[in-house]
Amino acid sequence: MTRPFTWGQSDPTVQPVPASVVEQVDAADSTLSNPKRAVISLGSNLGNRLETLQGAVDALEDTPGVRVKAVSPVYETEPWGVEPGSQPSYFNAVVVLKTTLPPSSLLERAHAVEEAFNRVRDERWGPRTLDVDIVSYAEITSDDPRLTLPHPRAHERAFVLAPWYDVDPQAQLPGRGPVADLLSVITRDGVEARGDLELRLPE
């Protein structure tokens, strides 16, 4: 049973879930039927990066209809698509969750979490306090421009594949195959595991 959901100062996202989403989740949670497995990629290269990633994990867990099942090790990554040295490095991680939210509502929640951590979308590949991407949702494949599933560039990003493999060595990227195979053919340059850092799995 989903625990009661309240908003207050302890909630790192501050912003409430839209009423329409709550209604959908309440209906789904009443039966606890058929939760779906989703994989979320987190990244931060501004501010207290580790604290921000932990806040995002906690915010996902505090969402009705979402339960965080696994959190990957933290990786430090050179920024993607920009000149070397032009931005701070990222901390990246992957979260595996079970959810009764449909993909569109999970995307709304991901955006709300980003905005609560002052994510600014001024430029593509720009620095950001928090990036929350849906990498995959069950076995769904979709070309919807608002939410392409799986993430259209996940198969070529070591900062997604490496932490995902760490947390689930048997993982499959829908339409692309085993994560282990995808990871074996791309470079890991600039993507380093940070064994001295750790994200907590919510209790």
Protein backbone atom coordinates (compact mmCIF):
# COMPACT_ATOMS: atom_id res chain seq x y z
CA MET A 1 0.00 0.00 0.00
CA THR A 2 1.27 3.43 -0.84
CA ARG A 3 2.08 5.44 2.25
CA PRO A 4 0.27 8.75 2.75
CA PHE A 5 1.82 11.50 0.69
CA THR A 6 2.33 14.93 2.18
CA TRP A 7 4.23 17.97 1.07
CA GLY A 8 6.30 20.03 3.46
CA GLN A 9 9.68 21.50 4.13
CA SER A 10 11.27 18.05 4.22
CA ASP A 11 10.31 17.39 0.61
CA PRO A 12 13.19 18.45 -1.66
CA THR A 13 10.99 19.17 -4.66
CA VAL A 14 8.63 21.60 -2.89
CA GLN A 15 6.21 21.51 -5.80
CA PRO A 16 3.09 19.31 -5.58
CA VAL A 17 2.21 16.61 -8.08
CA PRO A 18 -0.57 17.86 -10.40
CA ALA A 19 -4.05 16.84 -9.22
CA SER A 20 -4.74 14.91 -12.41
CA VAL A 21 -1.64 12.79 -11.82
CA VAL A 22 -2.57 12.15 -8.20
CA GLU A 23 -6.00 10.92 -9.28
CA GLN A 24 -4.48 8.49 -11.78
CA VAL A 25 -1.95 7.22 -9.25
CA ASP A 26 -4.53 6.81 -6.50
CA ALA A 27 -6.65 4.68 -8.80
CA ALA A 28 -3.68 2.53 -9.75
CA ASP A 29 -2.38 2.25 -6.20
CA SER A 30 -5.74 1.04 -4.91
CA THR A 31 -5.16 -2.24 -6.73
CA LEU A 32 -1.34 -2.30 -6.85
CA SER A 33 -1.76 -3.99 -10.20
CA ASN A 34 0.97 -4.43 -12.77
CA PRO A 35 3.66 -1.92 -11.77
CA LYS A 36 6.15 -1.20 -14.55
CA ARG A 37 9.94 -1.12 -14.37
CA ALA A 38 11.56 2.14 -15.39
CA VAL A 39 15.17 3.30 -15.54
CA ILE A 40 16.05 6.92 -14.78
CA SER A 41 19.36 8.67 -15.46
CA LEU A 42 20.44 11.49 -13.14
CA GLY A 43 23.13 14.08 -13.74
CA SER A 44 24.37 17.27 -12.08
CA ASN A 45 27.32 19.57 -12.75
CA LEU A 46 26.40 22.68 -10.75
CA GLY A 47 26.21 23.28 -7.01
CA ASN A 48 26.46 20.42 -4.53
CA ARG A 49 26.24 17.65 -7.10
CA LEU A 50 26.02 14.68 -4.75
CA GLU A 51 23.43 16.35 -2.53
CA THR A 52 21.37 17.21 -5.58
CA LEU A 53 21.43 13.64 -6.88
CA GLN A 54 20.39 12.33 -3.47
CA GLY A 55 17.57 14.88 -3.36
CA ALA A 56 16.37 13.65 -6.74
CA VAL A 57 16.40 10.01 -5.59
CA ASP A 58 14.42 10.95 -2.48
CA ALA A 59 11.96 13.02 -4.51
CA LEU A 60 11.28 10.11 -6.85
CA GLU A 61 10.65 7.83 -3.87
CA ASP A 62 8.27 10.41 -2.38
CA THR A 63 6.13 10.34 -5.52
CA PRO A 64 2.82 8.43 -5.28
CA GLY A 65 2.98 5.34 -7.45
CA VAL A 66 6.79 5.22 -7.54
CA ARG A 67 9.13 3.00 -5.55
CA VAL A 68 12.90 3.21 -5.99
CA LYS A 69 14.27 -0.34 -6.17
CA ALA A 70 17.97 0.28 -6.84
CA VAL A 71 20.47 3.13 -7.04
CA SER A 72 23.73 2.82 -8.94
CA PRO A 73 27.23 3.88 -7.94
CA VAL A 74 28.16 7.48 -8.74
CA TYR A 75 30.24 8.28 -11.81
CA GLU A 76 32.12 11.48 -12.61
CA THR A 77 31.83 12.42 -16.27
CA GLU A 78 33.24 15.03 -18.61
CA PRO A 79 30.40 17.13 -20.09
CA TRP A 80 28.87 15.78 -23.29
CA GLY A 81 28.86 17.79 -26.53
CA VAL A 82 30.91 20.80 -25.36
CA GLU A 83 34.52 21.97 -25.47
CA PRO A 84 36.71 20.18 -22.88
CA GLY A 85 37.16 22.30 -19.77
CA SER A 86 34.30 24.66 -20.61
CA GLN A 87 32.02 23.26 -17.88
CA PRO A 88 32.41 21.49 -14.54
CA SER A 89 32.31 17.71 -14.63
CA TYR A 90 29.07 15.84 -13.96
CA PHE A 91 28.11 13.40 -11.28
CA ASN A 92 25.91 10.74 -12.86
CA ALA A 93 23.87 7.84 -11.54
CA VAL A 94 21.05 5.53 -12.60
CA VAL A 95 17.91 4.73 -10.61
CA VAL A 96 15.77 1.64 -11.21
CA LEU A 97 12.19 1.98 -10.05
CA LYS A 98 8.79 0.32 -10.16
CA THR A 99 5.88 2.58 -10.98
CA THR A 100 2.16 2.65 -11.64
CA LEU A 101 2.53 6.05 -13.32
CA PRO A 102 2.14 6.05 -17.10
CA PRO A 103 5.21 7.30 -18.99
CA SER A 104 3.72 10.76 -19.59
CA SER A 105 3.08 11.31 -15.88
CA LEU A 106 6.51 10.02 -14.95
CA LEU A 107 7.96 12.56 -17.38
CA GLU A 108 5.93 15.33 -15.74
CA ARG A 109 7.31 14.31 -12.37
CA ALA A 110 10.88 14.21 -13.73
CA HIS A 111 10.48 17.77 -15.03
CA ALA A 112 9.00 18.93 -11.72
CA VAL A 113 11.99 17.52 -9.85
CA GLU A 114 14.38 19.27 -12.25
CA GLU A 115 12.59 22.58 -11.84
CA ALA A 116 12.60 22.30 -8.05
CA PHE A 117 16.39 22.13 -8.22
CA ASN A 118 16.43 25.25 -10.43
CA ARG A 119 17.13 23.51 -13.71
CA VAL A 120 17.50 26.10 -16.47
CA ARG A 121 17.00 25.16 -20.14
CA ASP A 122 18.70 28.13 -21.82
CA GLU A 123 20.99 26.13 -24.10
CA ARG A 124 21.44 22.61 -25.39
CA TRP A 125 24.26 20.80 -23.58
CA GLY A 126 24.39 23.70 -21.11
CA PRO A 127 25.43 23.22 -17.47
CA ARG A 128 22.62 22.22 -15.16
CA THR A 129 21.89 21.69 -11.52
CA LEU A 130 19.93 18.53 -12.33
CA ASP A 131 19.08 16.40 -15.34
CA VAL A 132 16.42 13.67 -14.92
CA ASP A 133 15.94 11.49 -18.02
CA ILE A 134 13.73 8.46 -18.54
CA VAL A 135 16.06 5.92 -20.15
CA SER A 136 13.53 3.11 -20.52
CA TYR A 137 10.01 2.22 -19.42
CA ALA A 138 9.09 -1.47 -19.41
CA GLU A 139 9.57 -2.77 -22.98
CA ILE A 140 7.94 0.25 -24.60
CA THR A 141 9.42 1.73 -27.75
CA SER A 142 7.98 5.02 -28.97
CA ASP A 143 8.95 7.79 -31.40
CA ASP A 144 6.80 10.39 -29.65
CA PRO A 145 8.90 13.60 -29.84
CA ARG A 146 7.84 14.59 -26.31
CA LEU A 147 9.10 11.31 -24.84
CA THR A 148 11.05 8.97 -27.10
CA LEU A 149 11.44 5.52 -25.55
CA PRO A 150 13.96 4.25 -24.93
CA HIS A 151 16.06 7.41 -24.68
CA PRO A 152 17.39 7.93 -28.23
CA ARG A 153 21.03 8.40 -27.18
CA ALA A 154 21.25 6.04 -24.20
CA HIS A 155 22.94 3.31 -26.24
CA GLU A 156 25.96 5.53 -26.95
CA ARG A 157 26.43 7.09 -23.51
CA ALA A 158 28.81 5.37 -21.13
CA PHE A 159 27.65 7.63 -18.30
CA VAL A 160 24.24 5.94 -18.61
CA LEU A 161 25.26 2.41 -19.52
CA ALA A 162 28.10 1.99 -16.99
CA PRO A 163 26.08 2.78 -13.85
CA TRP A 164 23.08 0.89 -15.24
CA TYR A 165 25.25 -2.19 -15.81
CA ASP A 166 26.63 -1.89 -12.27
CA VAL A 167 23.16 -1.98 -10.75
CA ASP A 168 21.72 -4.58 -13.19
CA PRO A 169 24.27 -6.63 -15.18
CA GLN A 170 21.47 -8.45 -17.05
CA ALA A 171 19.74 -5.23 -18.15
CA GLN A 172 18.40 -4.88 -21.68
CA LEU A 173 17.84 -1.63 -23.55
CA PRO A 174 14.63 -2.17 -25.56
CA GLY A 175 15.34 -2.35 -29.27
CA ARG A 176 19.11 -2.24 -28.69
CA GLY A 177 19.97 -5.38 -26.74
CA PRO A 178 21.98 -6.16 -23.60
CA VAL A 179 23.50 -3.18 -21.82
CA ALA A 180 26.69 -5.21 -21.34
CA ASP A 181 27.10 -5.58 -25.11
CA LEU A 182 26.37 -1.92 -25.78
CA LEU A 183 28.87 -0.86 -23.15
CA SER A 184 31.59 -3.10 -24.61
CA VAL A 185 31.67 -1.23 -27.92
CA ILE A 186 31.74 2.40 -26.76
CA THR A 187 34.48 4.39 -25.09
CA ARG A 188 34.53 5.01 -21.36
CA ASP A 189 36.97 7.90 -21.72
CA GLY A 190 36.04 10.69 -19.34
CA VAL A 191 33.63 8.46 -17.39
CA GLU A 192 35.09 7.38 -14.04
CA ALA A 193 33.51 5.51 -11.12
CA ARG A 194 33.67 7.45 -7.85
CA GLY A 195 34.02 4.72 -5.25
CA ASP A 196 34.38 7.36 -2.52
CA LEU A 197 30.83 8.62 -3.11
CA GLU A 198 27.54 6.88 -2.45
CA LEU A 199 23.84 7.54 -2.89
CA ARG A 200 21.48 6.13 -0.27
CA LEU A 201 18.59 3.89 -1.22
CA PRO A 202 15.48 5.41 0.36
CA GLU A 203 14.18 3.48 3.35
